[in-house]
Amino acid sequence: MNRISKEEAKNFLISYHNLDGSQGLQGEDGVMQYIKRVGCIQYDPLNVVGRNPDLVLQSRISNYSPTVLDKLLYERRSLIDGWDKMMSIYLQNDWPFFS
């Protein structure tokens, strides 16, 4: 049986979620690639220190601003918000799988 160390597991998760910037994700395309990779992100519209999706994306995507997410949700409609165990943002292309 192959085992990985805690350090290897930690490094994998950091890279998978692009917390180290290793995937070079930027702007609108970066947001789309990231959400395609992870499936969805939690959408909590309350803004205490920032909306949850903005905090998630700004820590993972270069050149991110809240206007990027708003454009993808409400102008291009590439992303939609809905329920996936909780209020979430996911790819518009995934909508048929929720029926």
PDB file of N, CA and C in Angstrom:
ATOM      1  N   MET A   1       0.841  -1.175   0.000  1.00  0.00           N
ATOM      2  CA  MET A   1       0.000   0.000   0.000  1.00  0.00           C
ATOM      3  C   MET A   1       0.888   1.241   0.000  1.00  0.00           C
ATOM      4  N   ASN A   2       0.587   2.138  -0.920  1.00  0.00           N
ATOM      5  CA  ASN A   2       1.323   3.405  -0.968  1.00  0.00           C
ATOM      6  C   ASN A   2       0.725   4.386   0.023  1.00  0.00           C
ATOM      7  N   ARG A   3       1.577   5.062   0.719  1.00  0.00           N
ATOM      8  CA  ARG A   3       1.137   6.084   1.670  1.00  0.00           C
ATOM      9  C   ARG A   3       1.827   7.387   1.318  1.00  0.00           C
ATOM     10  N   ILE A   4       1.128   8.457   1.646  1.00  0.00           N
ATOM     11  CA  ILE A   4       1.745   9.757   1.477  1.00  0.00           C
ATOM     12  C   ILE A   4       1.889  10.385   2.856  1.00  0.00           C
ATOM     13  N   SER A   5       2.859  11.237   2.972  1.00  0.00           N
ATOM     14  CA  SER A   5       3.096  11.888   4.258  1.00  0.00           C
ATOM     15  C   SER A   5       2.093  13.027   4.465  1.00  0.00           C
ATOM     16  N   LYS A   6       1.993  13.499   5.677  1.00  0.00           N
ATOM     17  CA  LYS A   6       1.141  14.649   5.963  1.00  0.00           C
ATOM     18  C   LYS A   6       1.604  15.858   5.163  1.00  0.00           C
ATOM     19  N   GLU A   7       2.905  16.004   5.030  1.00  0.00           N
ATOM     20  CA  GLU A   7       3.464  17.130   4.263  1.00  0.00           C
ATOM     21  C   GLU A   7       3.044  17.044   2.795  1.00  0.00           C
ATOM     22  N   GLU A   8       3.102  15.842   2.212  1.00  0.00           N
ATOM     23  CA  GLU A   8       2.685  15.663   0.820  1.00  0.00           C
ATOM     24  C   GLU A   8       1.187  15.946   0.659  1.00  0.00           C
ATOM     25  N   ALA A   9       0.367  15.491   1.600  1.00  0.00           N
ATOM     26  CA  ALA A   9      -1.069  15.739   1.550  1.00  0.00           C
ATOM     27  C   ALA A   9      -1.354  17.238   1.651  1.00  0.00           C
ATOM     28  N   LYS A  10      -0.673  17.904   2.566  1.00  0.00           N
ATOM     29  CA  LYS A  10      -0.841  19.352   2.738  1.00  0.00           C
ATOM     30  C   LYS A  10      -0.465  20.086   1.455  1.00  0.00           C
ATOM     31  N   ASN A  11       0.666  19.741   0.870  1.00  0.00           N
ATOM     32  CA  ASN A  11       1.124  20.403  -0.353  1.00  0.00           C
ATOM     33  C   ASN A  11       0.161  20.161  -1.515  1.00  0.00           C
ATOM     34  N   PHE A  12      -0.390  18.949  -1.598  1.00  0.00           N
ATOM     35  CA  PHE A  12      -1.359  18.631  -2.649  1.00  0.00           C
ATOM     36  C   PHE A  12      -2.589  19.525  -2.502  1.00  0.00           C
ATOM     37  N   LEU A  13      -3.142  19.616  -1.289  1.00  0.00           N
ATOM     38  CA  LEU A  13      -4.353  20.409  -1.078  1.00  0.00           C
ATOM     39  C   LEU A  13      -4.113  21.895  -1.322  1.00  0.00           C
ATOM     40  N   ILE A  14      -2.972  22.398  -0.914  1.00  0.00           N
ATOM     41  CA  ILE A  14      -2.638  23.803  -1.161  1.00  0.00           C
ATOM     42  C   ILE A  14      -2.570  24.075  -2.655  1.00  0.00           C
ATOM     43  N   SER A  15      -1.935  23.177  -3.396  1.00  0.00           N
ATOM     44  CA  SER A  15      -1.828  23.335  -4.841  1.00  0.00           C
ATOM     45  C   SER A  15      -3.176  23.150  -5.525  1.00  0.00           C
ATOM     46  N   TYR A  16      -3.941  22.124  -5.126  1.00  0.00           N
ATOM     47  CA  TYR A  16      -5.248  21.831  -5.741  1.00  0.00           C
ATOM     48  C   TYR A  16      -6.184  23.038  -5.624  1.00  0.00           C
ATOM     49  N   HIS A  17      -6.171  23.684  -4.491  1.00  0.00           N
ATOM     50  CA  HIS A  17      -7.039  24.840  -4.270  1.00  0.00           C
ATOM     51  C   HIS A  17      -6.382  26.153  -4.666  1.00  0.00           C
ATOM     52  N   ASN A  18      -5.220  26.075  -5.297  1.00  0.00           N
ATOM     53  CA  ASN A  18      -4.481  27.222  -5.829  1.00  0.00           C
ATOM     54  C   ASN A  18      -4.169  28.275  -4.765  1.00  0.00           C
ATOM     55  N   LEU A  19      -3.966  27.839  -3.550  1.00  0.00           N
ATOM     56  CA  LEU A  19      -3.600  28.787  -2.494  1.00  0.00           C
ATOM     57  C   LEU A  19      -2.152  29.239  -2.616  1.00  0.00           C
ATOM     58  N   ASP A  20      -1.384  28.543  -3.437  1.00  0.00           N
ATOM     59  CA  ASP A  20       0.008  28.926  -3.654  1.00  0.00           C
ATOM     60  C   ASP A  20       0.207  29.658  -4.981  1.00  0.00           C
ATOM     61  N   GLY A  21      -0.879  29.838  -5.743  1.00  0.00           N
ATOM     62  CA  GLY A  21      -0.795  30.533  -7.026  1.00  0.00           C
ATOM     63  C   GLY A  21      -0.113  29.736  -8.114  1.00  0.00           C
ATOM     64  N   SER A  22       0.137  28.447  -7.878  1.00  0.00           N
ATOM     65  CA  SER A  22       0.898  27.630  -8.825  1.00  0.00           C
ATOM     66  C   SER A  22       0.186  27.397 -10.151  1.00  0.00           C
ATOM     67  N   GLN A  23      -1.130  27.565 -10.181  1.00  0.00           N
ATOM     68  CA  GLN A  23      -1.870  27.311 -11.423  1.00  0.00           C
ATOM     69  C   GLN A  23      -1.965  28.547 -12.304  1.00  0.00           C
ATOM     70  N   GLY A  24      -1.508  29.671 -11.797  1.00  0.00           N
ATOM     71  CA  GLY A  24      -1.490  30.901 -12.596  1.00  0.00           C
ATOM     72  C   GLY A  24      -2.861  31.374 -13.042  1.00  0.00           C
ATOM     73  N   LEU A  25      -3.889  31.154 -12.231  1.00  0.00           N
ATOM     74  CA  LEU A  25      -5.242  31.567 -12.600  1.00  0.00           C
ATOM     75  C   LEU A  25      -5.386  33.073 -12.471  1.00  0.00           C
ATOM     76  N   GLN A  26      -6.027  33.686 -13.507  1.00  0.00           N
ATOM     77  CA  GLN A  26      -6.172  35.145 -13.514  1.00  0.00           C
ATOM     78  C   GLN A  26      -7.537  35.539 -14.056  1.00  0.00           C
ATOM     79  N   GLY A  27      -8.095  36.566 -13.478  1.00  0.00           N
ATOM     80  CA  GLY A  27      -9.303  37.197 -13.992  1.00  0.00           C
ATOM     81  C   GLY A  27     -10.477  36.251 -14.187  1.00  0.00           C
ATOM     82  N   GLU A  28     -11.344  36.590 -15.157  1.00  0.00           N
ATOM     83  CA  GLU A  28     -12.554  35.820 -15.417  1.00  0.00           C
ATOM     84  C   GLU A  28     -12.255  34.368 -15.779  1.00  0.00           C
ATOM     85  N   ASP A  29     -11.283  34.172 -16.659  1.00  0.00           N
ATOM     86  CA  ASP A  29     -10.940  32.800 -17.060  1.00  0.00           C
ATOM     87  C   ASP A  29     -10.461  31.992 -15.861  1.00  0.00           C
ATOM     88  N   GLY A  30      -9.707  32.625 -14.989  1.00  0.00           N
ATOM     89  CA  GLY A  30      -9.225  31.942 -13.794  1.00  0.00           C
ATOM     90  C   GLY A  30     -10.358  31.532 -12.871  1.00  0.00           C
ATOM     91  N   VAL A  31     -11.350  32.410 -12.713  1.00  0.00           N
ATOM     92  CA  VAL A  31     -12.515  32.074 -11.885  1.00  0.00           C
ATOM     93  C   VAL A  31     -13.238  30.873 -12.478  1.00  0.00           C
ATOM     94  N   MET A  32     -13.461  30.890 -13.784  1.00  0.00           N
ATOM     95  CA  MET A  32     -14.154  29.781 -14.447  1.00  0.00           C
ATOM     96  C   MET A  32     -13.373  28.477 -14.303  1.00  0.00           C
ATOM     97  N   GLN A  33     -12.057  28.519 -14.494  1.00  0.00           N
ATOM     98  CA  GLN A  33     -11.237  27.313 -14.349  1.00  0.00           C
ATOM     99  C   GLN A  33     -11.284  26.784 -12.924  1.00  0.00           C
ATOM    100  N   TYR A  34     -11.218  27.690 -11.953  1.00  0.00           N
ATOM    101  CA  TYR A  34     -11.224  27.270 -10.557  1.00  0.00           C
ATOM    102  C   TYR A  34     -12.552  26.615 -10.185  1.00  0.00           C
ATOM    103  N   ILE A  35     -13.665  27.230 -10.559  1.00  0.00           N
ATOM    104  CA  ILE A  35     -14.964  26.655 -10.208  1.00  0.00           C
ATOM    105  C   ILE A  35     -15.189  25.343 -10.948  1.00  0.00           C
ATOM    106  N   LYS A  36     -14.708  25.245 -12.178  1.00  0.00           N
ATOM    107  CA  LYS A  36     -14.805  23.962 -12.891  1.00  0.00           C
ATOM    108  C   LYS A  36     -14.028  22.887 -12.138  1.00  0.00           C
ATOM    109  N   ARG A  37     -12.905  23.249 -11.583  1.00  0.00           N
ATOM    110  CA  ARG A  37     -12.062  22.285 -10.876  1.00  0.00           C
ATOM    111  C   ARG A  37     -12.692  21.826  -9.555  1.00  0.00           C
ATOM    112  N   VAL A  38     -13.220  22.766  -8.766  1.00  0.00           N
ATOM    113  CA  VAL A  38     -13.737  22.404  -7.441  1.00  0.00           C
ATOM    114  C   VAL A  38     -15.237  22.118  -7.436  1.00  0.00           C
ATOM    115  N   GLY A  39     -15.944  22.417  -8.507  1.00  0.00           N
ATOM    116  CA  GLY A  39     -17.362  22.102  -8.612  1.00  0.00           C
ATOM    117  C   GLY A  39     -18.276  23.246  -8.224  1.00  0.00           C
ATOM    118  N   CYS A  40     -18.055  23.850  -7.080  1.00  0.00           N
ATOM    119  CA  CYS A  40     -18.853  24.996  -6.652  1.00  0.00           C
ATOM    120  C   CYS A  40     -18.150  25.665  -5.476  1.00  0.00           C
ATOM    121  N   ILE A  41     -18.588  26.868  -5.189  1.00  0.00           N
ATOM    122  CA  ILE A  41     -18.117  27.557  -3.986  1.00  0.00           C
ATOM    123  C   ILE A  41     -19.339  28.035  -3.223  1.00  0.00           C
ATOM    124  N   GLN A  42     -19.224  28.123  -1.924  1.00  0.00           N
ATOM    125  CA  GLN A  42     -20.332  28.568  -1.089  1.00  0.00           C
ATOM    126  C   GLN A  42     -20.640  30.031  -1.371  1.00  0.00           C
ATOM    127  N   TYR A  43     -21.924  30.325  -1.466  1.00  0.00           N
ATOM    128  CA  TYR A  43     -22.345  31.698  -1.726  1.00  0.00           C
ATOM    129  C   TYR A  43     -23.104  32.224  -0.516  1.00  0.00           C
ATOM    130  N   ASP A  44     -22.480  33.101   0.205  1.00  0.00           N
ATOM    131  CA  ASP A  44     -23.124  33.790   1.315  1.00  0.00           C
ATOM    132  C   ASP A  44     -23.046  35.269   0.982  1.00  0.00           C
ATOM    133  N   PRO A  45     -24.179  35.881   0.644  1.00  0.00           N
ATOM    134  CA  PRO A  45     -24.145  37.268   0.184  1.00  0.00           C
ATOM    135  C   PRO A  45     -23.907  38.305   1.285  1.00  0.00           C
ATOM    136  N   LEU A  46     -23.921  37.886   2.553  1.00  0.00           N
ATOM    137  CA  LEU A  46     -23.663  38.847   3.625  1.00  0.00           C
ATOM    138  C   LEU A  46     -22.244  39.382   3.505  1.00  0.00           C
ATOM    139  N   ASN A  47     -22.099  40.656   3.737  1.00  0.00           N
ATOM    140  CA  ASN A  47     -20.806  41.304   3.582  1.00  0.00           C
ATOM    141  C   ASN A  47     -20.382  41.913   4.918  1.00  0.00           C
ATOM    142  N   VAL A  48     -19.716  41.124   5.731  1.00  0.00           N
ATOM    143  CA  VAL A  48     -19.210  41.631   7.002  1.00  0.00           C
ATOM    144  C   VAL A  48     -17.826  42.235   6.770  1.00  0.00           C
ATOM    145  N   VAL A  49     -16.902  41.432   6.266  1.00  0.00           N
ATOM    146  CA  VAL A  49     -15.583  41.931   5.860  1.00  0.00           C
ATOM    147  C   VAL A  49     -15.365  41.678   4.375  1.00  0.00           C
ATOM    148  N   GLY A  50     -16.368  41.126   3.725  1.00  0.00           N
ATOM    149  CA  GLY A  50     -16.341  40.758   2.320  1.00  0.00           C
ATOM    150  C   GLY A  50     -17.280  39.586   2.126  1.00  0.00           C
ATOM    151  N   ARG A  51     -17.874  39.469   0.943  1.00  0.00           N
ATOM    152  CA  ARG A  51     -18.731  38.314   0.675  1.00  0.00           C
ATOM    153  C   ARG A  51     -17.868  37.061   0.604  1.00  0.00           C
ATOM    154  N   ASN A  52     -18.391  35.951   1.093  1.00  0.00           N
ATOM    155  CA  ASN A  52     -17.625  34.709   1.117  1.00  0.00           C
ATOM    156  C   ASN A  52     -17.019  34.341  -0.243  1.00  0.00           C
ATOM    157  N   PRO A  53     -17.783  34.363  -1.358  1.00  0.00           N
ATOM    158  CA  PRO A  53     -17.155  33.979  -2.616  1.00  0.00           C
ATOM    159  C   PRO A  53     -16.020  34.914  -3.024  1.00  0.00           C
ATOM    160  N   ASP A  54     -16.146  36.195  -2.686  1.00  0.00           N
ATOM    161  CA  ASP A  54     -15.069  37.134  -3.005  1.00  0.00           C
ATOM    162  C   ASP A  54     -13.816  36.821  -2.197  1.00  0.00           C
ATOM    163  N   LEU A  55     -13.988  36.486  -0.926  1.00  0.00           N
ATOM    164  CA  LEU A  55     -12.829  36.146  -0.093  1.00  0.00           C
ATOM    165  C   LEU A  55     -12.146  34.882  -0.605  1.00  0.00           C
ATOM    166  N   VAL A  56     -12.944  33.889  -1.004  1.00  0.00           N
ATOM    167  CA  VAL A  56     -12.384  32.645  -1.547  1.00  0.00           C
ATOM    168  C   VAL A  56     -11.621  32.925  -2.827  1.00  0.00           C
ATOM    169  N   LEU A  57     -12.245  33.648  -3.742  1.00  0.00           N
ATOM    170  CA  LEU A  57     -11.631  33.859  -5.059  1.00  0.00           C
ATOM    171  C   LEU A  57     -10.451  34.814  -5.017  1.00  0.00           C
ATOM    172  N   GLN A  58     -10.496  35.853  -4.184  1.00  0.00           N
ATOM    173  CA  GLN A  58      -9.361  36.782  -4.154  1.00  0.00           C
ATOM    174  C   GLN A  58      -8.111  36.128  -3.591  1.00  0.00           C
ATOM    175  N   SER A  59      -8.276  35.060  -2.813  1.00  0.00           N
ATOM    176  CA  SER A  59      -7.100  34.374  -2.273  1.00  0.00           C
ATOM    177  C   SER A  59      -6.535  33.343  -3.252  1.00  0.00           C
ATOM    178  N   ARG A  60      -7.227  33.125  -4.369  1.00  0.00           N
ATOM    179  CA  ARG A  60      -6.809  32.086  -5.306  1.00  0.00           C
ATOM    180  C   ARG A  60      -6.603  32.563  -6.743  1.00  0.00           C
ATOM    181  N   ILE A  61      -7.173  33.712  -7.095  1.00  0.00           N
ATOM    182  CA  ILE A  61      -7.165  34.197  -8.475  1.00  0.00           C
ATOM    183  C   ILE A  61      -6.472  35.556  -8.549  1.00  0.00           C
ATOM    184  N   SER A  62      -5.446  35.650  -9.400  1.00  0.00           N
ATOM    185  CA  SER A  62      -4.781  36.946  -9.619  1.00  0.00           C
ATOM    186  C   SER A  62      -5.732  37.877 -10.354  1.00  0.00           C
ATOM    187  N   ASN A  63      -5.611  39.144 -10.098  1.00  0.00           N
ATOM    188  CA  ASN A  63      -6.427  40.172 -10.754  1.00  0.00           C
ATOM    189  C   ASN A  63      -7.920  39.972 -10.511  1.00  0.00           C
ATOM    190  N   TYR A  64      -8.288  39.451  -9.349  1.00  0.00           N
ATOM    191  CA  TYR A  64      -9.698  39.259  -9.038  1.00  0.00           C
ATOM    192  C   TYR A  64     -10.247  40.502  -8.346  1.00  0.00           C
ATOM    193  N   SER A  65     -11.478  40.844  -8.692  1.00  0.00           N
ATOM    194  CA  SER A  65     -12.226  41.874  -7.965  1.00  0.00           C
ATOM    195  C   SER A  65     -13.681  41.419  -7.957  1.00  0.00           C
ATOM    196  N   PRO A  66     -14.473  41.895  -7.013  1.00  0.00           N
ATOM    197  CA  PRO A  66     -15.882  41.488  -6.951  1.00  0.00           C
ATOM    198  C   PRO A  66     -16.651  41.734  -8.249  1.00  0.00           C
ATOM    199  N   THR A  67     -16.232  42.711  -9.033  1.00  0.00           N
ATOM    200  CA  THR A  67     -16.932  42.968 -10.296  1.00  0.00           C
ATOM    201  C   THR A  67     -16.771  41.803 -11.269  1.00  0.00           C
ATOM    202  N   VAL A  68     -15.675  41.047 -11.141  1.00  0.00           N
ATOM    203  CA  VAL A  68     -15.463  39.877 -11.999  1.00  0.00           C
ATOM    204  C   VAL A  68     -16.565  38.855 -11.743  1.00  0.00           C
ATOM    205  N   LEU A  69     -16.827  38.543 -10.477  1.00  0.00           N
ATOM    206  CA  LEU A  69     -17.856  37.566 -10.140  1.00  0.00           C
ATOM    207  C   LEU A  69     -19.237  38.079 -10.561  1.00  0.00           C
ATOM    208  N   ASP A  70     -19.516  39.330 -10.312  1.00  0.00           N
ATOM    209  CA  ASP A  70     -20.812  39.890 -10.704  1.00  0.00           C
ATOM    210  C   ASP A  70     -21.018  39.797 -12.214  1.00  0.00           C
ATOM    211  N   LYS A  71     -19.973  40.060 -12.974  1.00  0.00           N
ATOM    212  CA  LYS A  71     -20.069  39.977 -14.435  1.00  0.00           C
ATOM    213  C   LYS A  71     -20.349  38.540 -14.874  1.00  0.00           C
ATOM    214  N   LEU A  72     -19.654  37.565 -14.270  1.00  0.00           N
ATOM    215  CA  LEU A  72     -19.857  36.167 -14.646  1.00  0.00           C
ATOM    216  C   LEU A  72     -21.242  35.660 -14.239  1.00  0.00           C
ATOM    217  N   LEU A  73     -21.769  36.177 -13.123  1.00  0.00           N
ATOM    218  CA  LEU A  73     -23.090  35.755 -12.651  1.00  0.00           C
ATOM    219  C   LEU A  73     -24.235  36.461 -13.383  1.00  0.00           C
ATOM    220  N   TYR A  74     -24.142  37.771 -13.538  1.00  0.00           N
ATOM    221  CA  TYR A  74     -25.313  38.547 -13.930  1.00  0.00           C
ATOM    222  C   TYR A  74     -25.248  39.170 -15.315  1.00  0.00           C
ATOM    223  N   GLU A  75     -24.079  39.176 -15.960  1.00  0.00           N
ATOM    224  CA  GLU A  75     -23.988  39.679 -17.330  1.00  0.00           C
ATOM    225  C   GLU A  75     -23.763  38.527 -18.300  1.00  0.00           C
ATOM    226  N   ARG A  76     -22.672  37.801 -18.120  1.00  0.00           N
ATOM    227  CA  ARG A  76     -22.364  36.687 -19.023  1.00  0.00           C
ATOM    228  C   ARG A  76     -23.202  35.456 -18.706  1.00  0.00           C
ATOM    229  N   ARG A  77     -23.653  35.344 -17.462  1.00  0.00           N
ATOM    230  CA  ARG A  77     -24.435  34.199 -16.987  1.00  0.00           C
ATOM    231  C   ARG A  77     -23.727  32.865 -17.211  1.00  0.00           C
ATOM    232  N   SER A  78     -22.400  32.900 -17.055  1.00  0.00           N
ATOM    233  CA  SER A  78     -21.580  31.687 -17.126  1.00  0.00           C
ATOM    234  C   SER A  78     -21.669  30.906 -15.828  1.00  0.00           C
ATOM    235  N   LEU A  79     -21.980  31.631 -14.749  1.00  0.00           N
ATOM    236  CA  LEU A  79     -22.142  31.029 -13.429  1.00  0.00           C
ATOM    237  C   LEU A  79     -23.558  31.308 -12.952  1.00  0.00           C
ATOM    238  N   ILE A  80     -24.067  30.429 -12.088  1.00  0.00           N
ATOM    239  CA  ILE A  80     -25.374  30.662 -11.482  1.00  0.00           C
ATOM    240  C   ILE A  80     -25.292  30.366  -9.998  1.00  0.00           C
ATOM    241  N   ASP A  81     -26.208  30.967  -9.251  1.00  0.00           N
ATOM    242  CA  ASP A  81     -26.261  30.646  -7.838  1.00  0.00           C
ATOM    243  C   ASP A  81     -27.499  29.788  -7.598  1.00  0.00           C
ATOM    244  N   GLY A  82     -27.359  28.820  -6.727  1.00  0.00           N
ATOM    245  CA  GLY A  82     -28.452  27.913  -6.418  1.00  0.00           C
ATOM    246  C   GLY A  82     -28.074  27.052  -5.225  1.00  0.00           C
ATOM    247  N   TRP A  83     -28.821  26.002  -5.041  1.00  0.00           N
ATOM    248  CA  TRP A  83     -28.607  25.133  -3.877  1.00  0.00           C
ATOM    249  C   TRP A  83     -27.871  23.872  -4.262  1.00  0.00           C
ATOM    250  N   ASP A  84     -26.771  23.619  -3.618  1.00  0.00           N
ATOM    251  CA  ASP A  84     -26.005  22.372  -3.713  1.00  0.00           C
ATOM    252  C   ASP A  84     -25.590  22.043  -2.281  1.00  0.00           C
ATOM    253  N   LYS A  85     -26.529  21.531  -1.499  1.00  0.00           N
ATOM    254  CA  LYS A  85     -26.393  21.292  -0.061  1.00  0.00           C
ATOM    255  C   LYS A  85     -26.456  22.600   0.724  1.00  0.00           C
ATOM    256  N   MET A  86     -26.055  23.693   0.146  1.00  0.00           N
ATOM    257  CA  MET A  86     -26.133  25.031   0.727  1.00  0.00           C
ATOM    258  C   MET A  86     -26.133  26.007  -0.447  1.00  0.00           C
ATOM    259  N   MET A  87     -26.361  27.263  -0.177  1.00  0.00           N
ATOM    260  CA  MET A  87     -26.343  28.236  -1.265  1.00  0.00           C
ATOM    261  C   MET A  87     -24.952  28.265  -1.885  1.00  0.00           C
ATOM    262  N   SER A  88     -24.873  28.067  -3.206  1.00  0.00           N
ATOM    263  CA  SER A  88     -23.599  27.890  -3.895  1.00  0.00           C
ATOM    264  C   SER A  88     -23.592  28.628  -5.226  1.00  0.00           C
ATOM    265  N   ILE A  89     -22.395  28.784  -5.742  1.00  0.00           N
ATOM    266  CA  ILE A  89     -22.191  29.289  -7.096  1.00  0.00           C
ATOM    267  C   ILE A  89     -21.539  28.155  -7.877  1.00  0.00           C
ATOM    268  N   TYR A  90     -22.128  27.852  -9.029  1.00  0.00           N
ATOM    269  CA  TYR A  90     -21.576  26.781  -9.846  1.00  0.00           C
ATOM    270  C   TYR A  90     -21.727  27.142 -11.318  1.00  0.00           C
ATOM    271  N   LEU A  91     -21.163  26.306 -12.179  1.00  0.00           N
ATOM    272  CA  LEU A  91     -21.186  26.570 -13.611  1.00  0.00           C
ATOM    273  C   LEU A  91     -22.598  26.454 -14.161  1.00  0.00           C
ATOM    274  N   GLN A  92     -22.971  27.366 -15.032  1.00  0.00           N
ATOM    275  CA  GLN A  92     -24.282  27.316 -15.675  1.00  0.00           C
ATOM    276  C   GLN A  92     -24.440  25.991 -16.424  1.00  0.00           C
ATOM    277  N   ASN A  93     -23.352  25.458 -16.977  1.00  0.00           N
ATOM    278  CA  ASN A  93     -23.400  24.190 -17.709  1.00  0.00           C
ATOM    279  C   ASN A  93     -23.782  23.004 -16.828  1.00  0.00           C
ATOM    280  N   ASP A  94     -23.644  23.153 -15.505  1.00  0.00           N
ATOM    281  CA  ASP A  94     -24.004  22.080 -14.587  1.00  0.00           C
ATOM    282  C   ASP A  94     -25.485  22.069 -14.236  1.00  0.00           C
ATOM    283  N   TRP A  95     -26.227  23.119 -14.621  1.00  0.00           N
ATOM    284  CA  TRP A  95     -27.637  23.243 -14.253  1.00  0.00           C
ATOM    285  C   TRP A  95     -28.465  21.992 -14.605  1.00  0.00           C
ATOM    286  N   PRO A  96     -28.316  21.393 -15.806  1.00  0.00           N
ATOM    287  CA  PRO A  96     -29.138  20.218 -16.126  1.00  0.00           C
ATOM    288  C   PRO A  96     -28.958  19.043 -15.157  1.00  0.00           C
ATOM    289  N   PHE A  97     -27.835  18.960 -14.489  1.00  0.00           N
ATOM    290  CA  PHE A  97     -27.591  17.846 -13.579  1.00  0.00           C
ATOM    291  C   PHE A  97     -28.357  17.970 -12.274  1.00  0.00           C
ATOM    292  N   PHE A  98     -28.981  19.138 -12.032  1.00  0.00           N
ATOM    293  CA  PHE A  98     -29.721  19.345 -10.791  1.00  0.00           C
ATOM    294  C   PHE A  98     -31.202  18.998 -10.924  1.00  0.00           C
ATOM    295  N   SER A  99     -31.625  18.574 -12.115  1.00  0.00           N
ATOM    296  CA  SER A  99     -33.050  18.239 -12.283  1.00  0.00           C
ATOM    297  C   SER A  99     -33.343  16.797 -11.880  1.00  0.00           C
TER     298      SER A  99
END
